[in-house]
Amino acid sequence: MTGGPLFNVLGLFNRSSEQEMFAGSNIGGATSSSYTTPATTTADSGATFVVVVSNSAGTATSNAATLTVNAAPVAPSITTQPANQTVTAGQTATFSVVAGGTAPLSVFVPVAVHEELTDARTPEIVRRRVASLSSWFEVRTVDETRMPTFPVTLHRGERQAILLAEELRADVLLIDEQIGRSISSGA
């Protein structure tokens, strides 16, 4: 659509005496049964439009129509990248990322990773956190029959994460094993 939104005025009008109004001010030249605004900005949101129609028998004023202008969507971006972690065997590692952009932003996790995160052997704090994640955390099924052959053995979660990242053409892939990171950066 080019231009602004279209407000249609329904009914039979004497076009010579029809006048559209904006915020209490006449809109010059607006004398037809519809009006298209100029290109809008978010500052225009909340503006009201009314139509006053008159003829020899009297005047009628329409109800106000309110314009809502939503901000243009902003593509997601990573504003804080995940940092490398070094831990001792038996410890957990936490990788965090900060993303910006127009909501809703989503984190996609393959089924195998979700199963690892919610397994009874996973620390309680991790299981509770995963259980409390909101709608931005989405578990996705991955078709492992399309998995390429890698020169080394990867865990199921890493295999699915790499495949899901390829399917989604993801900008960022968080993976917790060095061998998986090496393979995914070359995939």
C-alpha atoms as a PDB file:
ATOM      1  CA  MET A   1       0.000   0.000   0.000  1.00  0.00           C
ATOM      2  CA  THR A   2       1.349   3.422  -0.822  1.00  0.00           C
ATOM      3  CA  GLY A   3       0.360   6.588   0.977  1.00  0.00           C
ATOM      4  CA  GLY A   4      -1.493   6.555   4.255  1.00  0.00           C
ATOM      5  CA  PRO A   5      -4.504   4.634   5.504  1.00  0.00           C
ATOM      6  CA  LEU A   6      -7.869   5.137   3.843  1.00  0.00           C
ATOM      7  CA  PHE A   7     -10.871   6.364   5.824  1.00  0.00           C
ATOM      8  CA  ASN A   8     -14.133   5.680   3.987  1.00  0.00           C
ATOM      9  CA  VAL A   9     -17.237   7.641   4.738  1.00  0.00           C
ATOM     10  CA  LEU A  10     -20.355   5.663   3.972  1.00  0.00           C
ATOM     11  CA  GLY A  11     -23.632   7.127   2.868  1.00  0.00           C
ATOM     12  CA  LEU A  12     -25.039   9.516   0.289  1.00  0.00           C
ATOM     13  CA  PHE A  13     -23.591  12.977   0.594  1.00  0.00           C
ATOM     14  CA  ASN A  14     -23.976  16.279  -1.137  1.00  0.00           C
ATOM     15  CA  ARG A  15     -20.310  16.462  -2.098  1.00  0.00           C
ATOM     16  CA  SER A  16     -20.341  20.220  -2.546  1.00  0.00           C
ATOM     17  CA  SER A  17     -20.966  20.763   1.158  1.00  0.00           C
ATOM     18  CA  GLU A  18     -19.120  17.783   2.669  1.00  0.00           C
ATOM     19  CA  GLN A  19     -16.087  18.739   4.779  1.00  0.00           C
ATOM     20  CA  GLU A  20     -13.745  16.390   6.625  1.00  0.00           C
ATOM     21  CA  MET A  21     -12.230  17.567   9.876  1.00  0.00           C
ATOM     22  CA  PHE A  22      -8.954  16.660  11.638  1.00  0.00           C
ATOM     23  CA  ALA A  23      -8.276  17.567  15.275  1.00  0.00           C
ATOM     24  CA  GLY A  24     -10.827  20.374  15.053  1.00  0.00           C
ATOM     25  CA  SER A  25      -9.269  21.872  11.906  1.00  0.00           C
ATOM     26  CA  ASN A  26     -10.680  21.615   8.415  1.00  0.00           C
ATOM     27  CA  ILE A  27      -8.599  19.595   5.971  1.00  0.00           C
ATOM     28  CA  GLY A  28      -8.391  21.732   2.866  1.00  0.00           C
ATOM     29  CA  GLY A  29      -9.768  20.085  -0.247  1.00  0.00           C
ATOM     30  CA  ALA A  30     -11.211  17.114   1.651  1.00  0.00           C
ATOM     31  CA  THR A  31     -14.682  17.189   0.177  1.00  0.00           C
ATOM     32  CA  SER A  32     -15.244  13.613  -0.977  1.00  0.00           C
ATOM     33  CA  SER A  33     -16.654  10.546   0.748  1.00  0.00           C
ATOM     34  CA  SER A  34     -13.165   9.259   1.620  1.00  0.00           C
ATOM     35  CA  TYR A  35      -9.861  10.736   2.742  1.00  0.00           C
ATOM     36  CA  THR A  36      -6.325   9.340   2.530  1.00  0.00           C
ATOM     37  CA  THR A  37      -3.844  10.804   4.981  1.00  0.00           C
ATOM     38  CA  PRO A  38      -0.337  11.749   3.954  1.00  0.00           C
ATOM     39  CA  ALA A  39       2.315   9.185   5.007  1.00  0.00           C
ATOM     40  CA  THR A  40       1.875   8.730   8.743  1.00  0.00           C
ATOM     41  CA  THR A  41       4.311   8.722  11.642  1.00  0.00           C
ATOM     42  CA  THR A  42       3.866   7.392  15.158  1.00  0.00           C
ATOM     43  CA  ALA A  43       3.250  11.002  16.231  1.00  0.00           C
ATOM     44  CA  ASP A  44      -0.045  10.815  14.266  1.00  0.00           C
ATOM     45  CA  SER A  45      -1.307   7.956  16.439  1.00  0.00           C
ATOM     46  CA  GLY A  46      -4.406   8.974  18.377  1.00  0.00           C
ATOM     47  CA  ALA A  47      -5.541  11.559  15.834  1.00  0.00           C
ATOM     48  CA  THR A  48      -9.292  11.581  15.325  1.00  0.00           C
ATOM     49  CA  PHE A  49     -11.176  12.229  12.126  1.00  0.00           C
ATOM     50  CA  VAL A  50     -14.800  13.308  11.809  1.00  0.00           C
ATOM     51  CA  VAL A  51     -16.930  14.206   8.823  1.00  0.00           C
ATOM     52  CA  VAL A  52     -19.462  16.981   8.781  1.00  0.00           C
ATOM     53  CA  VAL A  53     -22.070  16.744   6.026  1.00  0.00           C
ATOM     54  CA  SER A  54     -24.638  19.373   5.333  1.00  0.00           C
ATOM     55  CA  ASN A  55     -27.334  20.180   2.833  1.00  0.00           C
ATOM     56  CA  SER A  56     -30.414  22.369   2.746  1.00  0.00           C
ATOM     57  CA  ALA A  57     -32.175  20.123   5.288  1.00  0.00           C
ATOM     58  CA  GLY A  58     -29.465  20.298   7.963  1.00  0.00           C
ATOM     59  CA  THR A  59     -26.057  19.053   9.160  1.00  0.00           C
ATOM     60  CA  ALA A  60     -24.820  15.649  10.319  1.00  0.00           C
ATOM     61  CA  THR A  61     -21.538  14.882  12.069  1.00  0.00           C
ATOM     62  CA  SER A  62     -20.007  11.423  12.028  1.00  0.00           C
ATOM     63  CA  ASN A  63     -18.582   9.632  15.020  1.00  0.00           C
ATOM     64  CA  ALA A  64     -14.852  10.170  15.426  1.00  0.00           C
ATOM     65  CA  ALA A  65     -12.565   7.597  13.815  1.00  0.00           C
ATOM     66  CA  THR A  66      -9.239   7.220  15.639  1.00  0.00           C
ATOM     67  CA  LEU A  67      -5.991   6.583  13.786  1.00  0.00           C
ATOM     68  CA  THR A  68      -3.533   4.127  15.372  1.00  0.00           C
ATOM     69  CA  VAL A  69      -0.036   4.085  13.897  1.00  0.00           C
ATOM     70  CA  ASN A  70       2.235   1.229  14.945  1.00  0.00           C
ATOM     71  CA  ALA A  71       5.992   1.658  14.821  1.00  0.00           C
ATOM     72  CA  ALA A  72       7.704   0.023  11.868  1.00  0.00           C
ATOM     73  CA  PRO A  73       9.161  -3.361  12.820  1.00  0.00           C
ATOM     74  CA  VAL A  74      12.861  -3.466  13.614  1.00  0.00           C
ATOM     75  CA  ALA A  75      14.803  -6.573  12.596  1.00  0.00           C
ATOM     76  CA  PRO A  76      16.293  -8.523  15.490  1.00  0.00           C
ATOM     77  CA  SER A  77      19.932  -7.932  16.340  1.00  0.00           C
ATOM     78  CA  ILE A  78      22.315  -9.297  18.929  1.00  0.00           C
ATOM     79  CA  THR A  79      23.416  -6.394  21.131  1.00  0.00           C
ATOM     80  CA  THR A  80      25.481  -8.483  23.550  1.00  0.00           C
ATOM     81  CA  GLN A  81      27.187 -11.576  22.179  1.00  0.00           C
ATOM     82  CA  PRO A  82      27.617 -14.742  24.269  1.00  0.00           C
ATOM     83  CA  ALA A  83      30.982 -14.969  26.038  1.00  0.00           C
ATOM     84  CA  ASN A  84      33.334 -17.955  26.086  1.00  0.00           C
ATOM     85  CA  GLN A  85      33.120 -19.997  29.295  1.00  0.00           C
ATOM     86  CA  THR A  86      35.668 -22.226  31.014  1.00  0.00           C
ATOM     87  CA  VAL A  87      34.447 -24.604  33.684  1.00  0.00           C
ATOM     88  CA  THR A  88      35.702 -27.596  35.594  1.00  0.00           C
ATOM     89  CA  ALA A  89      34.214 -30.992  34.744  1.00  0.00           C
ATOM     90  CA  GLY A  90      30.932 -31.462  36.577  1.00  0.00           C
ATOM     91  CA  GLN A  91      30.111 -27.744  36.631  1.00  0.00           C
ATOM     92  CA  THR A  92      27.527 -26.073  34.453  1.00  0.00           C
ATOM     93  CA  ALA A  93      28.212 -23.209  32.053  1.00  0.00           C
ATOM     94  CA  THR A  94      25.813 -20.361  31.340  1.00  0.00           C
ATOM     95  CA  PHE A  95      25.734 -18.630  27.994  1.00  0.00           C
ATOM     96  CA  SER A  96      23.728 -15.425  27.727  1.00  0.00           C
ATOM     97  CA  VAL A  97      22.821 -13.157  24.869  1.00  0.00           C
ATOM     98  CA  VAL A  98      20.971  -9.840  24.698  1.00  0.00           C
ATOM     99  CA  ALA A  99      18.840  -9.178  21.638  1.00  0.00           C
ATOM    100  CA  GLY A 100      17.032  -6.090  20.422  1.00  0.00           C
ATOM    101  CA  GLY A 101      14.325  -5.502  17.844  1.00  0.00           C
ATOM    102  CA  THR A 102      10.575  -5.460  17.566  1.00  0.00           C
ATOM    103  CA  ALA A 103       8.850  -7.954  19.841  1.00  0.00           C
ATOM    104  CA  PRO A 104       8.090 -10.748  19.800  1.00  0.00           C
ATOM    105  CA  LEU A 105      11.664 -11.984  19.605  1.00  0.00           C
ATOM    106  CA  SER A 106      12.118 -15.739  19.781  1.00  0.00           C
ATOM    107  CA  VAL A 107      14.711 -18.259  20.835  1.00  0.00           C
ATOM    108  CA  PHE A 108      14.297 -21.559  19.019  1.00  0.00           C
ATOM    109  CA  VAL A 109      15.485 -24.747  20.708  1.00  0.00           C
ATOM    110  CA  PRO A 110      15.437 -28.202  19.123  1.00  0.00           C
ATOM    111  CA  VAL A 111      13.543 -30.971  20.920  1.00  0.00           C
ATOM    112  CA  ALA A 112      16.755 -32.808  21.897  1.00  0.00           C
ATOM    113  CA  VAL A 113      18.149 -29.718  23.659  1.00  0.00           C
ATOM    114  CA  HIS A 114      14.844 -29.140  25.444  1.00  0.00           C
ATOM    115  CA  GLU A 115      14.904 -32.765  26.592  1.00  0.00           C
ATOM    116  CA  GLU A 116      18.459 -32.289  27.949  1.00  0.00           C
ATOM    117  CA  LEU A 117      17.424 -29.119  29.781  1.00  0.00           C
ATOM    118  CA  THR A 118      14.394 -30.760  31.405  1.00  0.00           C
ATOM    119  CA  ASP A 119      15.930 -34.186  32.134  1.00  0.00           C
ATOM    120  CA  ALA A 120      15.828 -35.324  35.790  1.00  0.00           C
ATOM    121  CA  ARG A 121      19.659 -35.400  35.810  1.00  0.00           C
ATOM    122  CA  THR A 122      19.818 -31.691  34.877  1.00  0.00           C
ATOM    123  CA  PRO A 123      20.322 -29.378  37.880  1.00  0.00           C
ATOM    124  CA  GLU A 124      17.045 -28.297  39.478  1.00  0.00           C
ATOM    125  CA  ILE A 125      17.778 -24.592  38.938  1.00  0.00           C
ATOM    126  CA  VAL A 126      18.073 -25.157  35.172  1.00  0.00           C
ATOM    127  CA  ARG A 127      14.866 -27.212  35.007  1.00  0.00           C
ATOM    128  CA  ARG A 128      12.965 -24.509  36.944  1.00  0.00           C
ATOM    129  CA  ARG A 129      14.288 -21.773  34.672  1.00  0.00           C
ATOM    130  CA  VAL A 130      13.335 -23.655  31.506  1.00  0.00           C
ATOM    131  CA  ALA A 131       9.863 -24.334  32.922  1.00  0.00           C
ATOM    132  CA  SER A 132       9.373 -20.611  33.598  1.00  0.00           C
ATOM    133  CA  LEU A 133      10.366 -19.332  30.148  1.00  0.00           C
ATOM    134  CA  SER A 134       7.740 -17.304  28.358  1.00  0.00           C
ATOM    135  CA  SER A 135       6.398 -17.460  24.831  1.00  0.00           C
ATOM    136  CA  TRP A 136       9.698 -16.236  23.359  1.00  0.00           C
ATOM    137  CA  PHE A 137      11.233 -19.682  24.049  1.00  0.00           C
ATOM    138  CA  GLU A 138      10.004 -22.039  21.332  1.00  0.00           C
ATOM    139  CA  VAL A 139      10.791 -25.754  21.045  1.00  0.00           C
ATOM    140  CA  ARG A 140      11.082 -26.909  17.423  1.00  0.00           C
ATOM    141  CA  THR A 141      11.054 -30.389  15.908  1.00  0.00           C
ATOM    142  CA  VAL A 142      14.001 -31.130  13.627  1.00  0.00           C
ATOM    143  CA  ASP A 143      14.063 -33.657  10.790  1.00  0.00           C
ATOM    144  CA  GLU A 144      17.291 -35.519  11.564  1.00  0.00           C
ATOM    145  CA  THR A 145      17.114 -37.493   8.311  1.00  0.00           C
ATOM    146  CA  ARG A 146      18.484 -34.367   6.627  1.00  0.00           C
ATOM    147  CA  MET A 147      21.485 -34.226   8.968  1.00  0.00           C
ATOM    148  CA  PRO A 148      24.783 -34.149   7.089  1.00  0.00           C
ATOM    149  CA  THR A 149      27.503 -36.613   8.035  1.00  0.00           C
ATOM    150  CA  PHE A 150      30.131 -35.065  10.291  1.00  0.00           C
ATOM    151  CA  PRO A 151      33.687 -36.371  10.651  1.00  0.00           C
ATOM    152  CA  VAL A 152      33.164 -36.763  14.417  1.00  0.00           C
ATOM    153  CA  THR A 153      30.355 -37.893  16.651  1.00  0.00           C
ATOM    154  CA  LEU A 154      28.168 -35.118  18.034  1.00  0.00           C
ATOM    155  CA  HIS A 155      25.535 -35.412  20.714  1.00  0.00           C
ATOM    156  CA  ARG A 156      21.955 -35.418  19.457  1.00  0.00           C
ATOM    157  CA  GLY A 157      21.305 -31.914  20.867  1.00  0.00           C
ATOM    158  CA  GLU A 158      24.236 -30.396  19.001  1.00  0.00           C
ATOM    159  CA  ARG A 159      23.274 -32.176  15.760  1.00  0.00           C
ATOM    160  CA  GLN A 160      19.718 -30.862  16.020  1.00  0.00           C
ATOM    161  CA  ALA A 161      20.871 -27.367  16.979  1.00  0.00           C
ATOM    162  CA  ILE A 162      23.110 -27.145  13.901  1.00  0.00           C
ATOM    163  CA  LEU A 163      20.361 -28.419  11.605  1.00  0.00           C
ATOM    164  CA  LEU A 164      17.758 -26.067  13.116  1.00  0.00           C
ATOM    165  CA  ALA A 165      20.113 -23.093  12.739  1.00  0.00           C
ATOM    166  CA  GLU A 166      20.562 -23.995   9.064  1.00  0.00           C
ATOM    167  CA  GLU A 167      16.796 -24.428   8.535  1.00  0.00           C
ATOM    168  CA  LEU A 168      16.071 -21.035  10.129  1.00  0.00           C
ATOM    169  CA  ARG A 169      19.114 -19.348   8.575  1.00  0.00           C
ATOM    170  CA  ALA A 170      19.882 -18.175  12.090  1.00  0.00           C
ATOM    171  CA  ASP A 171      22.319 -15.345  12.708  1.00  0.00           C
ATOM    172  CA  VAL A 172      23.452 -16.815  16.029  1.00  0.00           C
ATOM    173  CA  LEU A 173      23.819 -20.389  17.261  1.00  0.00           C
ATOM    174  CA  LEU A 174      24.608 -21.040  20.921  1.00  0.00           C
ATOM    175  CA  ILE A 175      26.223 -24.430  21.380  1.00  0.00           C
ATOM    176  CA  ASP A 176      27.932 -25.657  24.544  1.00  0.00           C
ATOM    177  CA  GLU A 177      30.514 -28.132  23.242  1.00  0.00           C
ATOM    178  CA  GLN A 178      33.771 -27.045  21.617  1.00  0.00           C
ATOM    179  CA  ILE A 179      33.571 -29.707  18.920  1.00  0.00           C
ATOM    180  CA  GLY A 180      30.018 -28.649  18.042  1.00  0.00           C
ATOM    181  CA  ARG A 181      31.077 -24.997  17.857  1.00  0.00           C
ATOM    182  CA  SER A 182      33.960 -25.903  15.542  1.00  0.00           C
ATOM    183  CA  ILE A 183      31.714 -27.924  13.237  1.00  0.00           C
ATOM    184  CA  SER A 184      28.875 -25.374  13.207  1.00  0.00           C
ATOM    185  CA  SER A 185      31.198 -22.495  12.323  1.00  0.00           C
ATOM    186  CA  GLY A 186      32.285 -24.432   9.234  1.00  0.00           C
ATOM    187  CA  ALA A 187      28.834 -25.777   8.322  1.00  0.00           C
END
